[in-house]
Each structure stands twice: as C-alpha cells, then as structure tokens.
C-alpha cells in the first residue's frame, strides 16, 4: 500500500464508517491523471449504486477541503464485486473454501504467486490447496489476494443475497 493510500484511508475512514460502510481497499496511482480507488461495503457485504454515489459525494467533500493529493485525479468508488480482493482478516475467514489467487511480498518455495482453494485461515496463516499440493502462507506476507470467479462462488453469493437484484425495475 502506498503512502498516499494510507494517508487517504486515515483521512476518510471515520466518515466512511459513520455512513455505515466498511473500507475494503484504498489504492492510488496511475499515469498522468492517477485514480484514487475506494472499495467499500456495508457490514452485511452489500453495496448498491446509491451507496456508491453517497460515499463518493462525502469523500469528494473531504478531499476538496483537505486536498491531500497533488494535481488532478479520478475518484472511483465501488463495491468489491464478486471476485473481490481479500484485504482484511475477516475477508479470509468469510471466504475459506473458495478458489483464490495470492501474491506474497517475498518468494516462498521459489515463487510469489499461488492459486488454489483456500482450505483454512487461522489469523496468521492461510492454507491453499494448489495443483502442486498444500501450501501454508504467512498472512503478514500477503501483498495481494483475490477470489477467483467460479460457478461455485456465483452460487454462494446468490444464496447469501436472495433479496437483492442485479438491475432496477
């Protein structure tokens, strides 16, 4: 996580939480016109279009007043989506049993990237069943992780949110 991302997270997190959301990830970077990406969700894992719009308006107000970033940038507020990034311990706990991609800060067993079914998470270690066998990854060494979109994941998400609709009527 970049220094700018950490700074923005600290700046906006009280407001985000005050609106009833949880920050999933804050990233900042890019070319001539960098993008500030804010991923958030409600505690139940939902995040609608109106939620994104509300959060975007409130975060914009904070950024206009505090002006923490140099020059122009794009603000993108979104939900984590189905094939979501796993950034917090609670994300790993919630999604045990599903296919994941994990990247480490440093090499382990000659590699940094692992892909397979996450079979357990105990707060300090993530166990992944890969094609080459089971690997135990230190949670503190994970730089990136995300769910892999599978039929099984889609089915699980649909069961969790039976009353939500994908579109508007």
Protein backbone atom coordinates (compact mmCIF):
# COMPACT_ATOMS: atom_id res chain seq x y z
CA UNK A 1 0.00 0.00 0.00
CA UNK A 2 1.40 3.38 -1.00
CA UNK A 3 1.92 6.20 1.46
CA UNK A 4 -0.83 8.19 -0.31
CA UNK A 5 -3.27 5.26 0.05
CA UNK A 6 -2.55 5.02 3.78
CA UNK A 7 -2.98 8.78 4.19
CA UNK A 8 -6.31 8.78 2.33
CA UNK A 9 -7.54 5.76 4.27
CA UNK A 10 -6.82 7.50 7.59
CA UNK A 11 -8.47 10.69 6.33
CA UNK A 12 -11.74 9.16 5.08
CA UNK A 13 -12.24 6.08 7.28
CA UNK A 14 -14.13 7.88 10.11
CA UNK A 15 -16.62 9.31 7.61
CA UNK A 16 -16.97 6.03 5.72
CA UNK A 17 -17.70 4.19 8.97
CA UNK A 18 -20.02 6.99 10.11
CA UNK A 19 -22.10 6.40 6.99
CA UNK A 20 -22.39 2.70 7.88
CA UNK A 21 -19.78 1.30 5.47
CA UNK A 22 -16.50 -0.58 5.89
CA UNK A 23 -13.44 0.22 3.80
CA UNK A 24 -12.22 -2.81 1.90
CA UNK A 25 -9.37 -1.21 -0.05
CA UNK A 26 -7.91 2.19 -0.95
CA UNK A 27 -5.49 2.43 -3.87
CA UNK A 28 -3.91 5.42 -5.57
CA UNK A 29 -1.80 5.54 -8.67
CA UNK A 30 -1.64 5.60 -12.41
CA UNK A 31 -0.35 7.81 -15.18
CA UNK A 32 -0.91 11.48 -15.97
CA UNK A 33 -4.26 11.51 -14.23
CA UNK A 34 -3.99 8.98 -11.37
CA UNK A 35 -7.01 7.15 -9.95
CA UNK A 36 -8.00 7.06 -6.30
CA UNK A 37 -9.98 3.84 -5.94
CA UNK A 38 -12.09 3.31 -2.84
CA UNK A 39 -13.78 -0.06 -2.32
CA UNK A 40 -16.34 -0.27 0.44
CA UNK A 41 -19.32 -2.31 1.55
CA UNK A 42 -21.92 -2.47 4.24
CA UNK A 43 -21.18 -4.85 7.15
CA UNK A 44 -23.52 -7.42 5.52
CA UNK A 45 -21.41 -7.36 2.34
CA UNK A 46 -23.83 -5.36 0.20
CA UNK A 47 -23.12 -2.12 -1.68
CA UNK A 48 -25.62 -0.64 -4.10
CA UNK A 49 -25.27 2.06 -6.73
CA UNK A 50 -26.87 4.67 -4.43
CA UNK A 51 -24.45 3.65 -1.66
CA UNK A 52 -21.53 4.28 -4.02
CA UNK A 53 -22.96 7.66 -5.03
CA UNK A 54 -23.47 8.72 -1.41
CA UNK A 55 -19.98 7.65 -0.43
CA UNK A 56 -18.48 9.34 -3.48
CA UNK A 57 -20.15 12.67 -2.61
CA UNK A 58 -18.98 12.55 1.01
CA UNK A 59 -15.42 11.51 0.16
CA UNK A 60 -15.23 14.24 -2.52
CA UNK A 61 -16.15 16.86 0.07
CA UNK A 62 -13.37 15.67 2.39
CA UNK A 63 -10.82 15.58 -0.42
CA UNK A 64 -11.82 19.07 -1.61
CA UNK A 65 -11.29 20.52 1.87
CA UNK A 66 -8.16 18.57 2.89
CA UNK A 67 -6.55 18.49 -0.60
CA UNK A 68 -4.20 15.59 0.26
CA UNK A 69 -3.21 14.68 -3.30
CA UNK A 70 -1.22 16.74 -5.80
CA UNK A 71 -2.81 17.68 -9.11
CA UNK A 72 -5.89 16.16 -10.72
CA UNK A 73 -7.04 12.60 -10.15
CA UNK A 74 -10.05 10.42 -10.82
CA UNK A 75 -12.15 9.24 -7.87
CA UNK A 76 -13.65 5.78 -8.24
CA UNK A 77 -15.94 4.42 -5.53
CA UNK A 78 -17.10 0.83 -5.92
CA UNK A 79 -18.15 -2.37 -4.24
CA UNK A 80 -15.58 -5.15 -4.06
CA UNK A 81 -17.59 -7.24 -6.54
CA UNK A 82 -17.92 -11.00 -6.66
CA UNK A 83 -14.30 -11.81 -7.47
CA UNK A 84 -13.31 -9.43 -4.73
CA UNK A 85 -9.92 -8.61 -3.28
CA UNK A 86 -9.21 -10.17 0.10
CA UNK A 87 -7.64 -7.44 2.19
CA UNK A 88 -8.76 -7.99 5.78
CA UNK A 89 -8.62 -10.99 8.08
CA UNK A 90 -12.44 -11.11 8.07
CA UNK A 91 -12.37 -11.45 4.26
CA UNK A 92 -10.14 -14.52 4.50
CA UNK A 93 -12.33 -16.00 7.26
CA UNK A 94 -15.52 -15.42 5.28
CA UNK A 95 -14.26 -16.93 2.02
CA UNK A 96 -12.50 -20.11 3.21
CA UNK A 97 -13.41 -22.92 0.83
CA UNK A 98 -13.24 -20.86 -2.36
CA UNK A 99 -10.69 -20.53 -5.15
CA UNK A 100 -8.15 -17.74 -4.60
CA UNK A 101 -5.06 -16.15 -6.07
CA UNK A 102 -2.48 -14.99 -3.55
CA UNK A 103 0.69 -13.00 -4.09
CA UNK A 104 3.38 -12.70 -1.41
CA UNK A 105 5.78 -9.85 -0.67
CA UNK A 106 8.72 -12.28 -0.84
CA UNK A 107 9.33 -15.60 -2.53
CA UNK A 108 8.46 -18.81 -0.74
CA UNK A 109 9.48 -22.16 -2.19
CA UNK A 110 10.87 -20.25 -5.19
CA UNK A 111 7.67 -18.40 -6.05
CA UNK A 112 5.49 -15.48 -5.01
CA UNK A 113 2.14 -16.38 -6.62
CA UNK A 114 -0.16 -19.19 -5.56
CA UNK A 115 -3.55 -20.25 -6.88
CA UNK A 116 -5.96 -22.79 -5.44
CA UNK A 117 -8.73 -23.49 -2.95
CA UNK A 118 -8.28 -21.74 0.39
CA UNK A 119 -8.85 -24.55 2.88
CA UNK A 120 -8.25 -22.67 6.13
CA UNK A 121 -7.27 -19.41 7.78
CA UNK A 122 -6.32 -19.12 11.46
CA UNK A 123 -5.45 -15.43 11.67
CA UNK A 124 -1.74 -15.90 10.98
CA UNK A 125 -1.65 -18.46 8.17
CA UNK A 126 -3.62 -19.10 5.00
CA UNK A 127 -3.67 -22.68 3.72
CA UNK A 128 -4.18 -23.13 -0.01
CA UNK A 129 -4.62 -26.42 -1.84
CA UNK A 130 -2.79 -25.86 -5.15
CA UNK A 131 -2.25 -28.20 -8.10
CA UNK A 132 1.21 -28.90 -6.64
CA UNK A 133 -0.12 -29.65 -3.16
CA UNK A 134 -0.98 -27.79 0.02
CA UNK A 135 0.92 -24.60 0.91
CA UNK A 136 0.84 -22.64 4.14
CA UNK A 137 1.26 -18.91 3.56
CA UNK A 138 2.03 -16.40 6.32
CA UNK A 139 -0.84 -13.88 6.42
CA UNK A 140 1.56 -10.99 7.13
CA UNK A 141 3.48 -11.73 3.91
CA UNK A 142 0.45 -11.45 1.60
CA UNK A 143 0.65 -8.41 -0.68
CA UNK A 144 -2.41 -9.21 -2.82
CA UNK A 145 -5.18 -11.75 -2.71
CA UNK A 146 -8.48 -12.13 -4.51
CA UNK A 147 -11.25 -14.60 -5.13
CA UNK A 148 -11.41 -16.33 -8.48
CA UNK A 149 -14.76 -16.14 -10.26
CA UNK A 150 -16.22 -19.65 -10.40
CA UNK A 151 -19.71 -21.10 -10.69
CA UNK A 152 -19.38 -22.18 -7.06
CA UNK A 153 -18.62 -18.61 -5.97
CA UNK A 154 -21.51 -17.19 -8.00
CA UNK A 155 -23.89 -19.70 -6.46
CA UNK A 156 -22.67 -18.89 -2.93
CA UNK A 157 -23.06 -15.15 -3.46
CA UNK A 158 -26.57 -15.59 -4.86
CA UNK A 159 -27.58 -17.68 -1.84
CA UNK A 160 -26.22 -15.05 0.56
CA UNK A 161 -28.21 -12.27 -1.04
CA UNK A 162 -31.51 -13.76 -2.24
CA UNK A 163 -33.43 -10.48 -1.94
CA UNK A 164 -31.01 -8.36 -3.94
CA UNK A 165 -31.50 -7.77 -7.62
CA UNK A 166 -28.83 -7.06 -10.20
CA UNK A 167 -30.81 -4.38 -12.01
CA UNK A 168 -33.58 -1.92 -11.46
CA UNK A 169 -37.20 -2.37 -12.30
